[in-house]
């Protein structure tokens, strides 16, 4: 984290300017990583978190993601149109073939 964080003491000693465009970009990137549950820390900090029982990553607010299979698409074709739909390769191929072959509809 010390190499990535423009406000760190190491980067200040190296001459990094905390108010530069690069520093703003890096701060935004570090914030996005934290939102995803990625923690940049030392090995000692990680071991302390694990030993204390705290979770290293934030729980996902959207819940577990699941891939839709061909059976799911056949039983409920509307599922494939959902914006958060994750299709298996077989389900994607099935939908492509169904568009090409009218008798599969």
PDB file of N, CA and C in Angstrom:
ATOM      1  N   UNK A   1       0.821  -1.182   0.000  1.00  0.00           N
ATOM      2  CA  UNK A   1       0.000   0.000   0.000  1.00  0.00           C
ATOM      3  C   UNK A   1       0.872   1.256   0.000  1.00  0.00           C
ATOM      4  N   UNK A   2       2.000   1.190   0.627  1.00  0.00           N
ATOM      5  CA  UNK A   2       2.838   2.391   0.713  1.00  0.00           C
ATOM      6  C   UNK A   2       3.311   2.854  -0.657  1.00  0.00           C
ATOM      7  N   UNK A   3       3.520   1.929  -1.583  1.00  0.00           N
ATOM      8  CA  UNK A   3       3.951   2.316  -2.926  1.00  0.00           C
ATOM      9  C   UNK A   3       2.789   2.909  -3.718  1.00  0.00           C
ATOM     10  N   UNK A   4       1.559   2.469  -3.435  1.00  0.00           N
ATOM     11  CA  UNK A   4       0.385   2.928  -4.184  1.00  0.00           C
ATOM     12  C   UNK A   4      -0.202   4.226  -3.641  1.00  0.00           C
ATOM     13  N   UNK A   5      -0.106   4.442  -2.349  1.00  0.00           N
ATOM     14  CA  UNK A   5      -0.758   5.582  -1.712  1.00  0.00           C
ATOM     15  C   UNK A   5       0.114   6.832  -1.831  1.00  0.00           C
ATOM     16  N   UNK A   6      -0.334   7.833  -2.599  1.00  0.00           N
ATOM     17  CA  UNK A   6       0.485   9.032  -2.773  1.00  0.00           C
ATOM     18  C   UNK A   6       0.646   9.835  -1.482  1.00  0.00           C
ATOM     19  N   UNK A   7      -0.219   9.626  -0.508  1.00  0.00           N
ATOM     20  CA  UNK A   7      -0.124  10.353   0.756  1.00  0.00           C
ATOM     21  C   UNK A   7       0.762   9.635   1.771  1.00  0.00           C
ATOM     22  N   UNK A   8       1.314   8.487   1.397  1.00  0.00           N
ATOM     23  CA  UNK A   8       2.157   7.757   2.342  1.00  0.00           C
ATOM     24  C   UNK A   8       3.481   8.493   2.557  1.00  0.00           C
ATOM     25  N   UNK A   9       4.070   8.230   3.692  1.00  0.00           N
ATOM     26  CA  UNK A   9       5.341   8.878   4.025  1.00  0.00           C
ATOM     27  C   UNK A   9       6.424   8.514   3.014  1.00  0.00           C
ATOM     28  N   UNK A  10       6.421   7.267   2.559  1.00  0.00           N
ATOM     29  CA  UNK A  10       7.414   6.825   1.585  1.00  0.00           C
ATOM     30  C   UNK A  10       7.336   7.654   0.305  1.00  0.00           C
ATOM     31  N   UNK A  11       6.138   7.825  -0.226  1.00  0.00           N
ATOM     32  CA  UNK A  11       5.989   8.586  -1.464  1.00  0.00           C
ATOM     33  C   UNK A  11       6.245  10.072  -1.261  1.00  0.00           C
ATOM     34  N   UNK A  12       5.979  10.597  -0.082  1.00  0.00           N
ATOM     35  CA  UNK A  12       6.308  11.995   0.186  1.00  0.00           C
ATOM     36  C   UNK A  12       7.816  12.187   0.213  1.00  0.00           C
ATOM     37  N   UNK A  13       8.536  11.207   0.775  1.00  0.00           N
ATOM     38  CA  UNK A  13       9.997  11.277   0.768  1.00  0.00           C
ATOM     39  C   UNK A  13      10.554  11.172  -0.648  1.00  0.00           C
ATOM     40  N   UNK A  14       9.846  10.434  -1.505  1.00  0.00           N
ATOM     41  CA  UNK A  14      10.282  10.283  -2.895  1.00  0.00           C
ATOM     42  C   UNK A  14       9.900  11.488  -3.745  1.00  0.00           C
ATOM     43  N   UNK A  15       9.141  12.422  -3.182  1.00  0.00           N
ATOM     44  CA  UNK A  15       8.799  13.641  -3.903  1.00  0.00           C
ATOM     45  C   UNK A  15       7.440  13.632  -4.567  1.00  0.00           C
ATOM     46  N   UNK A  16       6.586  12.672  -4.248  1.00  0.00           N
ATOM     47  CA  UNK A  16       5.247  12.634  -4.840  1.00  0.00           C
ATOM     48  C   UNK A  16       4.416  13.799  -4.308  1.00  0.00           C
ATOM     49  N   UNK A  17       3.675  14.417  -5.192  1.00  0.00           N
ATOM     50  CA  UNK A  17       2.821  15.544  -4.818  1.00  0.00           C
ATOM     51  C   UNK A  17       1.421  15.022  -4.496  1.00  0.00           C
ATOM     52  N   UNK A  18       0.940  15.196  -3.256  1.00  0.00           N
ATOM     53  CA  UNK A  18      -0.367  14.646  -2.882  1.00  0.00           C
ATOM     54  C   UNK A  18      -1.543  15.322  -3.579  1.00  0.00           C
ATOM     55  N   UNK A  19      -1.347  16.481  -4.202  1.00  0.00           N
ATOM     56  CA  UNK A  19      -2.454  17.169  -4.864  1.00  0.00           C
ATOM     57  C   UNK A  19      -2.385  17.077  -6.392  1.00  0.00           C
ATOM     58  N   UNK A  20      -1.586  16.160  -6.916  1.00  0.00           N
ATOM     59  CA  UNK A  20      -1.468  16.010  -8.372  1.00  0.00           C
ATOM     60  C   UNK A  20      -2.614  15.160  -8.921  1.00  0.00           C
ATOM     61  N   UNK A  21      -2.770  15.176 -10.238  1.00  0.00           N
ATOM     62  CA  UNK A  21      -3.810  14.370 -10.889  1.00  0.00           C
ATOM     63  C   UNK A  21      -3.560  12.885 -10.662  1.00  0.00           C
ATOM     64  N   UNK A  22      -2.294  12.482 -10.697  1.00  0.00           N
ATOM     65  CA  UNK A  22      -1.955  11.081 -10.461  1.00  0.00           C
ATOM     66  C   UNK A  22      -2.363  10.662  -9.053  1.00  0.00           C
ATOM     67  N   UNK A  23      -2.126  11.525  -8.073  1.00  0.00           N
ATOM     68  CA  UNK A  23      -2.491  11.210  -6.690  1.00  0.00           C
ATOM     69  C   UNK A  23      -4.002  11.047  -6.561  1.00  0.00           C
ATOM     70  N   UNK A  24      -4.758  11.898  -7.221  1.00  0.00           N
ATOM     71  CA  UNK A  24      -6.216  11.773  -7.198  1.00  0.00           C
ATOM     72  C   UNK A  24      -6.681  10.479  -7.829  1.00  0.00           C
ATOM     73  N   UNK A  25      -6.049  10.116  -8.942  1.00  0.00           N
ATOM     74  CA  UNK A  25      -6.386   8.858  -9.612  1.00  0.00           C
ATOM     75  C   UNK A  25      -6.087   7.664  -8.707  1.00  0.00           C
ATOM     76  N   UNK A  26      -4.943   7.691  -8.056  1.00  0.00           N
ATOM     77  CA  UNK A  26      -4.572   6.577  -7.172  1.00  0.00           C
ATOM     78  C   UNK A  26      -5.497   6.502  -5.956  1.00  0.00           C
ATOM     79  N   UNK A  27      -5.885   7.641  -5.397  1.00  0.00           N
ATOM     80  CA  UNK A  27      -6.812   7.638  -4.258  1.00  0.00           C
ATOM     81  C   UNK A  27      -8.159   7.055  -4.680  1.00  0.00           C
ATOM     82  N   UNK A  28      -8.638   7.412  -5.869  1.00  0.00           N
ATOM     83  CA  UNK A  28      -9.905   6.873  -6.363  1.00  0.00           C
ATOM     84  C   UNK A  28      -9.798   5.372  -6.587  1.00  0.00           C
ATOM     85  N   UNK A  29      -8.673   4.921  -7.123  1.00  0.00           N
ATOM     86  CA  UNK A  29      -8.467   3.489  -7.342  1.00  0.00           C
ATOM     87  C   UNK A  29      -8.429   2.744  -6.019  1.00  0.00           C
ATOM     88  N   UNK A  30      -7.730   3.285  -5.030  1.00  0.00           N
ATOM     89  CA  UNK A  30      -7.676   2.650  -3.711  1.00  0.00           C
ATOM     90  C   UNK A  30      -9.061   2.596  -3.070  1.00  0.00           C
ATOM     91  N   UNK A  31      -9.869   3.636  -3.256  1.00  0.00           N
ATOM     92  CA  UNK A  31     -11.228   3.644  -2.712  1.00  0.00           C
ATOM     93  C   UNK A  31     -12.087   2.580  -3.384  1.00  0.00           C
ATOM     94  N   UNK A  32     -11.951   2.432  -4.722  1.00  0.00           N
ATOM     95  CA  UNK A  32     -12.713   1.396  -5.435  1.00  0.00           C
ATOM     96  C   UNK A  32     -12.301   0.008  -4.974  1.00  0.00           C
ATOM     97  N   UNK A  33     -11.014  -0.204  -4.755  1.00  0.00           N
ATOM     98  CA  UNK A  33     -10.549  -1.498  -4.264  1.00  0.00           C
ATOM     99  C   UNK A  33     -11.126  -1.795  -2.886  1.00  0.00           C
ATOM    100  N   UNK A  34     -11.172  -0.791  -2.029  1.00  0.00           N
ATOM    101  CA  UNK A  34     -11.733  -0.980  -0.687  1.00  0.00           C
ATOM    102  C   UNK A  34     -13.217  -1.318  -0.767  1.00  0.00           C
ATOM    103  N   UNK A  35     -13.947  -0.692  -1.704  1.00  0.00           N
ATOM    104  CA  UNK A  35     -15.366  -0.995  -1.886  1.00  0.00           C
ATOM    105  C   UNK A  35     -15.573  -2.435  -2.334  1.00  0.00           C
ATOM    106  N   UNK A  36     -14.635  -2.967  -3.097  1.00  0.00           N
ATOM    107  CA  UNK A  36     -14.716  -4.356  -3.564  1.00  0.00           C
ATOM    108  C   UNK A  36     -14.307  -5.352  -2.487  1.00  0.00           C
ATOM    109  N   UNK A  37     -13.790  -4.853  -1.382  1.00  0.00           N
ATOM    110  CA  UNK A  37     -13.372  -5.736  -0.306  1.00  0.00           C
ATOM    111  C   UNK A  37     -11.913  -6.117  -0.363  1.00  0.00           C
ATOM    112  N   UNK A  38     -11.157  -5.449  -1.204  1.00  0.00           N
ATOM    113  CA  UNK A  38      -9.729  -5.738  -1.323  1.00  0.00           C
ATOM    114  C   UNK A  38      -8.983  -4.854  -0.340  1.00  0.00           C
ATOM    115  N   UNK A  39      -8.238  -5.484   0.535  1.00  0.00           N
ATOM    116  CA  UNK A  39      -7.492  -4.742   1.551  1.00  0.00           C
ATOM    117  C   UNK A  39      -6.009  -4.811   1.227  1.00  0.00           C
ATOM    118  N   UNK A  40      -5.393  -3.650   1.060  1.00  0.00           N
ATOM    119  CA  UNK A  40      -3.954  -3.578   0.858  1.00  0.00           C
ATOM    120  C   UNK A  40      -3.335  -3.286   2.214  1.00  0.00           C
ATOM    121  N   UNK A  41      -2.627  -4.257   2.741  1.00  0.00           N
ATOM    122  CA  UNK A  41      -2.041  -4.093   4.070  1.00  0.00           C
ATOM    123  C   UNK A  41      -0.778  -4.943   4.161  1.00  0.00           C
ATOM    124  N   UNK A  42      -0.094  -4.795   5.276  1.00  0.00           N
ATOM    125  CA  UNK A  42       1.106  -5.601   5.487  1.00  0.00           C
ATOM    126  C   UNK A  42       0.701  -6.999   5.919  1.00  0.00           C
ATOM    127  N   UNK A  43       1.637  -7.921   5.855  1.00  0.00           N
ATOM    128  CA  UNK A  43       1.359  -9.286   6.278  1.00  0.00           C
ATOM    129  C   UNK A  43       0.990  -9.323   7.763  1.00  0.00           C
ATOM    130  N   UNK A  44       1.653  -8.498   8.568  1.00  0.00           N
ATOM    131  CA  UNK A  44       1.339  -8.458   9.999  1.00  0.00           C
ATOM    132  C   UNK A  44      -0.090  -7.973  10.244  1.00  0.00           C
ATOM    133  N   UNK A  45      -0.523  -6.949   9.501  1.00  0.00           N
ATOM    134  CA  UNK A  45      -1.896  -6.462   9.642  1.00  0.00           C
ATOM    135  C   UNK A  45      -2.896  -7.528   9.219  1.00  0.00           C
ATOM    136  N   UNK A  46      -2.595  -8.246   8.158  1.00  0.00           N
ATOM    137  CA  UNK A  46      -3.473  -9.314   7.699  1.00  0.00           C
ATOM    138  C   UNK A  46      -3.573 -10.418   8.739  1.00  0.00           C
ATOM    139  N   UNK A  47      -2.447 -10.815   9.311  1.00  0.00           N
ATOM    140  CA  UNK A  47      -2.460 -11.856  10.337  1.00  0.00           C
ATOM    141  C   UNK A  47      -3.229 -11.405  11.577  1.00  0.00           C
ATOM    142  N   UNK A  48      -3.117 -10.131  11.942  1.00  0.00           N
ATOM    143  CA  UNK A  48      -3.885  -9.613  13.076  1.00  0.00           C
ATOM    144  C   UNK A  48      -5.385  -9.687  12.799  1.00  0.00           C
ATOM    145  N   UNK A  49      -5.792  -9.326  11.583  1.00  0.00           N
ATOM    146  CA  UNK A  49      -7.213  -9.392  11.225  1.00  0.00           C
ATOM    147  C   UNK A  49      -7.721 -10.822  11.282  1.00  0.00           C
ATOM    148  N   UNK A  50      -6.928 -11.751  10.770  1.00  0.00           N
ATOM    149  CA  UNK A  50      -7.343 -13.152  10.776  1.00  0.00           C
ATOM    150  C   UNK A  50      -7.384 -13.713  12.188  1.00  0.00           C
ATOM    151  N   UNK A  51      -6.424 -13.329  13.016  1.00  0.00           N
ATOM    152  CA  UNK A  51      -6.368 -13.833  14.390  1.00  0.00           C
ATOM    153  C   UNK A  51      -7.507 -13.280  15.237  1.00  0.00           C
ATOM    154  N   UNK A  52      -7.924 -12.060  14.969  1.00  0.00           N
ATOM    155  CA  UNK A  52      -8.990 -11.456  15.767  1.00  0.00           C
ATOM    156  C   UNK A  52     -10.375 -11.904  15.313  1.00  0.00           C
ATOM    157  N   UNK A  53     -10.465 -12.622  14.199  1.00  0.00           N
ATOM    158  CA  UNK A  53     -11.743 -13.142  13.725  1.00  0.00           C
ATOM    159  C   UNK A  53     -12.508 -12.190  12.836  1.00  0.00           C
ATOM    160  N   UNK A  54     -11.962 -11.019  12.584  1.00  0.00           N
ATOM    161  CA  UNK A  54     -12.637 -10.088  11.681  1.00  0.00           C
ATOM    162  C   UNK A  54     -12.489 -10.584  10.254  1.00  0.00           C
ATOM    163  N   UNK A  55     -13.471 -10.268   9.456  1.00  0.00           N
ATOM    164  CA  UNK A  55     -13.406 -10.661   8.049  1.00  0.00           C
ATOM    165  C   UNK A  55     -12.441  -9.754   7.313  1.00  0.00           C
ATOM    166  N   UNK A  56     -11.623 -10.333   6.459  1.00  0.00           N
ATOM    167  CA  UNK A  56     -10.674  -9.546   5.673  1.00  0.00           C
ATOM    168  C   UNK A  56     -11.373  -8.805   4.539  1.00  0.00           C
ATOM    169  N   UNK A  57     -12.466  -9.367   4.043  1.00  0.00           N
ATOM    170  CA  UNK A  57     -13.182  -8.750   2.929  1.00  0.00           C
ATOM    171  C   UNK A  57     -14.599  -8.406   3.357  1.00  0.00           C
ATOM    172  N   UNK A  58     -15.128  -7.341   2.781  1.00  0.00           N
ATOM    173  CA  UNK A  58     -16.493  -6.939   3.079  1.00  0.00           C
ATOM    174  C   UNK A  58     -17.455  -7.911   2.409  1.00  0.00           C
ATOM    175  N   UNK A  59     -18.564  -8.246   3.053  1.00  0.00           N
ATOM    176  CA  UNK A  59     -19.528  -9.148   2.433  1.00  0.00           C
ATOM    177  C   UNK A  59     -20.200  -8.486   1.242  1.00  0.00           C
ATOM    178  N   UNK A  60     -20.503  -9.268   0.256  1.00  0.00           N
ATOM    179  CA  UNK A  60     -21.125  -8.761  -0.961  1.00  0.00           C
ATOM    180  C   UNK A  60     -22.581  -8.400  -0.688  1.00  0.00           C
ATOM    181  N   UNK A  61     -22.975  -7.202  -1.077  1.00  0.00           N
ATOM    182  CA  UNK A  61     -24.340  -6.749  -0.845  1.00  0.00           C
ATOM    183  C   UNK A  61     -25.315  -7.407  -1.813  1.00  0.00           C
ATOM    184  N   UNK A  62     -24.846  -7.850  -2.958  1.00  0.00           N
ATOM    185  CA  UNK A  62     -25.733  -8.416  -3.962  1.00  0.00           C
ATOM    186  C   UNK A  62     -26.045  -9.886  -3.726  1.00  0.00           C
ATOM    187  N   UNK A  63     -25.372 -10.524  -2.807  1.00  0.00           N
ATOM    188  CA  UNK A  63     -25.604 -11.937  -2.555  1.00  0.00           C
ATOM    189  C   UNK A  63     -24.767 -12.794  -3.478  1.00  0.00           C
ATOM    190  N   UNK A  64     -24.869 -14.101  -3.342  1.00  0.00           N
ATOM    191  CA  UNK A  64     -24.052 -14.977  -4.183  1.00  0.00           C
ATOM    192  C   UNK A  64     -24.505 -14.931  -5.638  1.00  0.00           C
ATOM    193  N   UNK A  65     -23.544 -14.916  -6.545  1.00  0.00           N
ATOM    194  CA  UNK A  65     -23.866 -14.911  -7.968  1.00  0.00           C
ATOM    195  C   UNK A  65     -23.976 -16.345  -8.449  1.00  0.00           C
ATOM    196  N   UNK A  66     -24.886 -16.558  -9.375  1.00  0.00           N
ATOM    197  CA  UNK A  66     -25.147 -17.895  -9.870  1.00  0.00           C
ATOM    198  C   UNK A  66     -25.257 -17.833 -11.386  1.00  0.00           C
ATOM    199  N   UNK A  67     -24.682 -18.818 -12.044  1.00  0.00           N
ATOM    200  CA  UNK A  67     -24.780 -18.907 -13.493  1.00  0.00           C
ATOM    201  C   UNK A  67     -26.089 -19.588 -13.875  1.00  0.00           C
ATOM    202  N   UNK A  68     -26.707 -19.086 -14.949  1.00  0.00           N
ATOM    203  CA  UNK A  68     -27.930 -19.691 -15.461  1.00  0.00           C
ATOM    204  C   UNK A  68     -27.564 -20.785 -16.451  1.00  0.00           C
ATOM    205  N   UNK A  69     -28.160 -21.937 -16.278  1.00  0.00           N
ATOM    206  CA  UNK A  69     -27.897 -23.074 -17.154  1.00  0.00           C
ATOM    207  C   UNK A  69     -28.930 -23.117 -18.272  1.00  0.00           C
ATOM    208  N   UNK A  70     -28.761 -24.061 -19.186  1.00  0.00           N
ATOM    209  CA  UNK A  70     -29.716 -24.240 -20.285  1.00  0.00           C
ATOM    210  C   UNK A  70     -31.091 -24.565 -19.717  1.00  0.00           C
ATOM    211  N   UNK A  71     -31.148 -25.403 -18.691  1.00  0.00           N
ATOM    212  CA  UNK A  71     -32.427 -25.768 -18.075  1.00  0.00           C
ATOM    213  C   UNK A  71     -33.129 -24.536 -17.521  1.00  0.00           C
ATOM    214  N   UNK A  72     -32.382 -23.650 -16.871  1.00  0.00           N
ATOM    215  CA  UNK A  72     -32.976 -22.419 -16.341  1.00  0.00           C
ATOM    216  C   UNK A  72     -33.563 -21.575 -17.464  1.00  0.00           C
ATOM    217  N   UNK A  73     -32.839 -21.464 -18.568  1.00  0.00           N
ATOM    218  CA  UNK A  73     -33.291 -20.644 -19.696  1.00  0.00           C
ATOM    219  C   UNK A  73     -34.504 -21.278 -20.373  1.00  0.00           C
ATOM    220  N   UNK A  74     -34.526 -22.602 -20.491  1.00  0.00           N
ATOM    221  CA  UNK A  74     -35.671 -23.286 -21.105  1.00  0.00           C
ATOM    222  C   UNK A  74     -36.909 -23.113 -20.225  1.00  0.00           C
ATOM    223  N   UNK A  75     -36.740 -23.266 -18.916  1.00  0.00           N
ATOM    224  CA  UNK A  75     -37.878 -23.161 -18.001  1.00  0.00           C
ATOM    225  C   UNK A  75     -38.394 -21.731 -17.864  1.00  0.00           C
ATOM    226  N   UNK A  76     -37.509 -20.749 -17.910  1.00  0.00           N
ATOM    227  CA  UNK A  76     -37.916 -19.355 -17.763  1.00  0.00           C
ATOM    228  C   UNK A  76     -37.023 -18.479 -18.639  1.00  0.00           C
ATOM    229  N   UNK A  77     -37.394 -18.279 -19.906  1.00  0.00           N
ATOM    230  CA  UNK A  77     -36.554 -17.505 -20.828  1.00  0.00           C
ATOM    231  C   UNK A  77     -36.343 -16.054 -20.398  1.00  0.00           C
ATOM    232  N   UNK A  78     -37.228 -15.516 -19.571  1.00  0.00           N
ATOM    233  CA  UNK A  78     -37.086 -14.127 -19.134  1.00  0.00           C
ATOM    234  C   UNK A  78     -35.854 -13.933 -18.257  1.00  0.00           C
ATOM    235  N   UNK A  79     -35.378 -14.983 -17.618  1.00  0.00           N
ATOM    236  CA  UNK A  79     -34.186 -14.873 -16.774  1.00  0.00           C
ATOM    237  C   UNK A  79     -32.971 -14.429 -17.581  1.00  0.00           C
ATOM    238  N   UNK A  80     -32.893 -14.853 -18.830  1.00  0.00           N
ATOM    239  CA  UNK A  80     -31.736 -14.522 -19.669  1.00  0.00           C
ATOM    240  C   UNK A  80     -31.699 -13.041 -20.024  1.00  0.00           C
ATOM    241  N   UNK A  81     -32.830 -12.362 -19.930  1.00  0.00           N
ATOM    242  CA  UNK A  81     -32.891 -10.939 -20.277  1.00  0.00           C
ATOM    243  C   UNK A  81     -32.539 -10.029 -19.108  1.00  0.00           C
ATOM    244  N   UNK A  82     -32.425 -10.579 -17.910  1.00  0.00           N
ATOM    245  CA  UNK A  82     -32.118  -9.763 -16.733  1.00  0.00           C
ATOM    246  C   UNK A  82     -30.716  -9.179 -16.866  1.00  0.00           C
ATOM    247  N   UNK A  83     -30.510  -7.928 -16.432  1.00  0.00           N
ATOM    248  CA  UNK A  83     -29.188  -7.305 -16.587  1.00  0.00           C
ATOM    249  C   UNK A  83     -28.094  -7.988 -15.777  1.00  0.00           C
ATOM    250  N   UNK A  84     -28.439  -8.618 -14.660  1.00  0.00           N
ATOM    251  CA  UNK A  84     -27.427  -9.279 -13.836  1.00  0.00           C
ATOM    252  C   UNK A  84     -27.258 -10.756 -14.187  1.00  0.00           C
ATOM    253  N   UNK A  85     -27.873 -11.204 -15.284  1.00  0.00           N
ATOM    254  CA  UNK A  85     -27.819 -12.616 -15.665  1.00  0.00           C
ATOM    255  C   UNK A  85     -26.411 -13.022 -16.086  1.00  0.00           C
ATOM    256  N   UNK A  86     -25.948 -14.113 -15.537  1.00  0.00           N
ATOM    257  CA  UNK A  86     -24.671 -14.712 -15.915  1.00  0.00           C
ATOM    258  C   UNK A  86     -25.000 -16.077 -16.517  1.00  0.00           C
ATOM    259  N   UNK A  87     -24.723 -16.254 -17.790  1.00  0.00           N
ATOM    260  CA  UNK A  87     -25.074 -17.485 -18.491  1.00  0.00           C
ATOM    261  C   UNK A  87     -23.859 -18.384 -18.652  1.00  0.00           C
ATOM    262  N   UNK A  88     -24.100 -19.692 -18.591  1.00  0.00           N
ATOM    263  CA  UNK A  88     -23.032 -20.634 -18.905  1.00  0.00           C
ATOM    264  C   UNK A  88     -22.795 -20.597 -20.408  1.00  0.00           C
ATOM    265  N   UNK A  89     -21.668 -21.135 -20.850  1.00  0.00           N
ATOM    266  CA  UNK A  89     -21.374 -21.171 -22.289  1.00  0.00           C
ATOM    267  C   UNK A  89     -22.445 -21.950 -23.040  1.00  0.00           C
ATOM    268  N   UNK A  90     -22.916 -23.037 -22.447  1.00  0.00           N
ATOM    269  CA  UNK A  90     -23.947 -23.849 -23.094  1.00  0.00           C
ATOM    270  C   UNK A  90     -25.247 -23.062 -23.233  1.00  0.00           C
ATOM    271  N   UNK A  91     -25.603 -22.271 -22.224  1.00  0.00           N
ATOM    272  CA  UNK A  91     -26.824 -21.470 -22.297  1.00  0.00           C
ATOM    273  C   UNK A  91     -26.698 -20.391 -23.370  1.00  0.00           C
ATOM    274  N   UNK A  92     -25.532 -19.793 -23.483  1.00  0.00           N
ATOM    275  CA  UNK A  92     -25.305 -18.785 -24.528  1.00  0.00           C
ATOM    276  C   UNK A  92     -25.435 -19.418 -25.905  1.00  0.00           C
ATOM    277  N   UNK A  93     -24.825 -20.592 -26.102  1.00  0.00           N
ATOM    278  CA  UNK A  93     -24.930 -21.298 -27.382  1.00  0.00           C
ATOM    279  C   UNK A  93     -26.375 -21.674 -27.677  1.00  0.00           C
ATOM    280  N   UNK A  94     -27.110 -22.116 -26.659  1.00  0.00           N
ATOM    281  CA  UNK A  94     -28.512 -22.478 -26.836  1.00  0.00           C
ATOM    282  C   UNK A  94     -29.316 -21.277 -27.329  1.00  0.00           C
ATOM    283  N   UNK A  95     -29.100 -20.112 -26.706  1.00  0.00           N
ATOM    284  CA  UNK A  95     -29.837 -18.919 -27.118  1.00  0.00           C
ATOM    285  C   UNK A  95     -29.469 -18.486 -28.535  1.00  0.00           C
ATOM    286  N   UNK A  96     -28.192 -18.601 -28.897  1.00  0.00           N
ATOM    287  CA  UNK A  96     -27.775 -18.253 -30.262  1.00  0.00           C
ATOM    288  C   UNK A  96     -28.424 -19.179 -31.278  1.00  0.00           C
ATOM    289  N   UNK A  97     -28.437 -20.484 -30.988  1.00  0.00           N
ATOM    290  CA  UNK A  97     -29.040 -21.449 -31.908  1.00  0.00           C
ATOM    291  C   UNK A  97     -30.547 -21.269 -31.988  1.00  0.00           C
ATOM    292  N   UNK A  98     -31.161 -20.887 -30.880  1.00  0.00           N
ATOM    293  CA  UNK A  98     -32.605 -20.685 -30.875  1.00  0.00           C
ATOM    294  C   UNK A  98     -32.985 -19.504 -31.762  1.00  0.00           C
ATOM    295  N   UNK A  99     -32.123 -18.488 -31.827  1.00  0.00           N
ATOM    296  CA  UNK A  99     -32.394 -17.353 -32.707  1.00  0.00           C
ATOM    297  C   UNK A  99     -32.241 -17.752 -34.171  1.00  0.00           C
ATOM    298  N   UNK A 100     -31.278 -18.648 -34.457  1.00  0.00           N
ATOM    299  CA  UNK A 100     -31.023 -19.075 -35.837  1.00  0.00           C
ATOM    300  C   UNK A 100     -32.079 -20.054 -36.329  1.00  0.00           C
ATOM    301  N   UNK A 101     -32.519 -20.949 -35.464  1.00  0.00           N
ATOM    302  CA  UNK A 101     -33.448 -22.014 -35.856  1.00  0.00           C
ATOM    303  C   UNK A 101     -34.842 -21.712 -35.316  1.00  0.00           C
ATOM    304  N   UNK A 102     -35.786 -21.328 -36.171  1.00  0.00           N
ATOM    305  CA  UNK A 102     -37.121 -20.946 -35.690  1.00  0.00           C
ATOM    306  C   UNK A 102     -37.889 -22.100 -35.045  1.00  0.00           C
ATOM    307  N   UNK A 103     -37.589 -23.339 -35.378  1.00  0.00           N
ATOM    308  CA  UNK A 103     -38.329 -24.464 -34.811  1.00  0.00           C
ATOM    309  C   UNK A 103     -37.954 -24.733 -33.355  1.00  0.00           C
ATOM    310  N   UNK A 104     -36.886 -24.112 -32.844  1.00  0.00           N
ATOM    311  CA  UNK A 104     -36.506 -24.292 -31.446  1.00  0.00           C
ATOM    312  C   UNK A 104     -37.255 -23.344 -30.512  1.00  0.00           C
ATOM    313  N   UNK A 105     -37.983 -22.384 -31.074  1.00  0.00           N
ATOM    314  CA  UNK A 105     -38.677 -21.394 -30.235  1.00  0.00           C
ATOM    315  C   UNK A 105     -39.856 -21.993 -29.534  1.00  0.00           C
TER     316      UNK A 105
END
